[in-house]
Amino acid sequence: MVLQFKLKTSSRWQDYPGKSKMKVPLARCDFRLLTSDRRRVIVEKGSYDAVMKRFRQIEFFKHKG
């Protein structure tokens, strides 16, 4: 899965480099989650916490078994 972000005032999505490398606060950005081949959006635009919550749910059920 690929996590992308964009500034709320921007229209261009970029790959998320990591929390420590972000130059702006996370609250000023929108996030989304894509499949690893980048063809389908798994989670539409949302806050960092909301998108990461869904990411953790997907990972949990993917490895459960």
C-alpha atoms as a PDB file:
ATOM      1  CA  MET A   1       0.000   0.000   0.000  1.00  0.00           C
ATOM      2  CA  VAL A   2       1.109   3.527  -0.726  1.00  0.00           C
ATOM      3  CA  LEU A   3       0.389   6.470   1.557  1.00  0.00           C
ATOM      4  CA  GLN A   4       0.172   9.840  -0.176  1.00  0.00           C
ATOM      5  CA  PHE A   5      -0.355  13.380   1.092  1.00  0.00           C
ATOM      6  CA  LYS A   6      -1.137  16.839  -0.210  1.00  0.00           C
ATOM      7  CA  LEU A   7      -1.524  20.235   1.370  1.00  0.00           C
ATOM      8  CA  LYS A   8      -5.176  21.132   1.862  1.00  0.00           C
ATOM      9  CA  THR A   9      -4.676  24.113  -0.466  1.00  0.00           C
ATOM     10  CA  SER A  10      -2.881  22.049  -3.136  1.00  0.00           C
ATOM     11  CA  SER A  11      -4.192  19.651  -5.768  1.00  0.00           C
ATOM     12  CA  ARG A  12      -1.052  17.529  -6.283  1.00  0.00           C
ATOM     13  CA  TRP A  13      -0.639  14.247  -4.385  1.00  0.00           C
ATOM     14  CA  GLN A  14       2.876  13.218  -3.298  1.00  0.00           C
ATOM     15  CA  ASP A  15       4.263  10.082  -1.685  1.00  0.00           C
ATOM     16  CA  TYR A  16       4.500  10.370   2.091  1.00  0.00           C
ATOM     17  CA  PRO A  17       8.191  10.510   3.125  1.00  0.00           C
ATOM     18  CA  GLY A  18       7.627   9.863   6.838  1.00  0.00           C
ATOM     19  CA  LYS A  19       6.637  11.908   9.848  1.00  0.00           C
ATOM     20  CA  SER A  20      10.163  13.052  10.655  1.00  0.00           C
ATOM     21  CA  LYS A  21      10.789  14.352   7.111  1.00  0.00           C
ATOM     22  CA  MET A  22       7.588  16.384   6.784  1.00  0.00           C
ATOM     23  CA  LYS A  23       8.203  20.129   6.597  1.00  0.00           C
ATOM     24  CA  VAL A  24       4.615  21.097   7.436  1.00  0.00           C
ATOM     25  CA  PRO A  25       2.377  19.930  10.298  1.00  0.00           C
ATOM     26  CA  LEU A  26       0.266  16.849   9.567  1.00  0.00           C
ATOM     27  CA  ALA A  27      -2.900  18.788  10.417  1.00  0.00           C
ATOM     28  CA  ARG A  28      -2.387  20.969   7.319  1.00  0.00           C
ATOM     29  CA  CYS A  29      -2.366  17.954   4.977  1.00  0.00           C
ATOM     30  CA  ASP A  30      -4.857  15.488   3.529  1.00  0.00           C
ATOM     31  CA  PHE A  31      -3.885  11.839   3.194  1.00  0.00           C
ATOM     32  CA  ARG A  32      -5.029   8.879   1.102  1.00  0.00           C
ATOM     33  CA  LEU A  33      -4.126   5.228   0.756  1.00  0.00           C
ATOM     34  CA  LEU A  34      -3.581   3.475  -2.582  1.00  0.00           C
ATOM     35  CA  THR A  35      -2.948  -0.112  -3.569  1.00  0.00           C
ATOM     36  CA  SER A  36       0.699  -0.997  -4.124  1.00  0.00           C
ATOM     37  CA  ASP A  37       0.239  -0.832  -7.909  1.00  0.00           C
ATOM     38  CA  ARG A  38      -1.347   2.651  -7.468  1.00  0.00           C
ATOM     39  CA  ARG A  39      -4.410   1.753  -9.539  1.00  0.00           C
ATOM     40  CA  ARG A  40      -7.098   1.876  -6.871  1.00  0.00           C
ATOM     41  CA  VAL A  41      -7.760   4.224  -3.972  1.00  0.00           C
ATOM     42  CA  ILE A  42      -8.399   2.229  -0.798  1.00  0.00           C
ATOM     43  CA  VAL A  43      -9.062   5.192   1.502  1.00  0.00           C
ATOM     44  CA  GLU A  44     -10.260   8.494   0.103  1.00  0.00           C
ATOM     45  CA  LYS A  45      -8.990  11.823   1.366  1.00  0.00           C
ATOM     46  CA  GLY A  46      -8.886  12.075   5.154  1.00  0.00           C
ATOM     47  CA  SER A  47      -6.811  13.014   8.176  1.00  0.00           C
ATOM     48  CA  TYR A  48      -3.587  11.207   9.025  1.00  0.00           C
ATOM     49  CA  ASP A  49      -5.168   9.466  12.016  1.00  0.00           C
ATOM     50  CA  ALA A  50      -8.204   8.253  10.066  1.00  0.00           C
ATOM     51  CA  VAL A  51      -6.139   6.899   7.161  1.00  0.00           C
ATOM     52  CA  MET A  52      -3.608   5.201   9.452  1.00  0.00           C
ATOM     53  CA  LYS A  53      -6.416   3.610  11.486  1.00  0.00           C
ATOM     54  CA  ARG A  54      -7.759   1.987   8.305  1.00  0.00           C
ATOM     55  CA  PHE A  55      -4.227   0.989   7.248  1.00  0.00           C
ATOM     56  CA  ARG A  56      -3.704  -0.820  10.565  1.00  0.00           C
ATOM     57  CA  GLN A  57      -7.048  -2.600  10.209  1.00  0.00           C
ATOM     58  CA  ILE A  58      -6.120  -3.870   6.753  1.00  0.00           C
ATOM     59  CA  GLU A  59      -2.675  -5.048   7.909  1.00  0.00           C
ATOM     60  CA  PHE A  60      -4.141  -6.801  10.952  1.00  0.00           C
ATOM     61  CA  PHE A  61      -6.631  -8.829   8.933  1.00  0.00           C
ATOM     62  CA  LYS A  62      -4.129  -9.520   6.161  1.00  0.00           C
ATOM     63  CA  HIS A  63      -1.748 -11.237   8.586  1.00  0.00           C
ATOM     64  CA  LYS A  64      -4.354 -12.817  10.832  1.00  0.00           C
ATOM     65  CA  GLY A  65      -4.672 -16.495  10.319  1.00  0.00           C
END
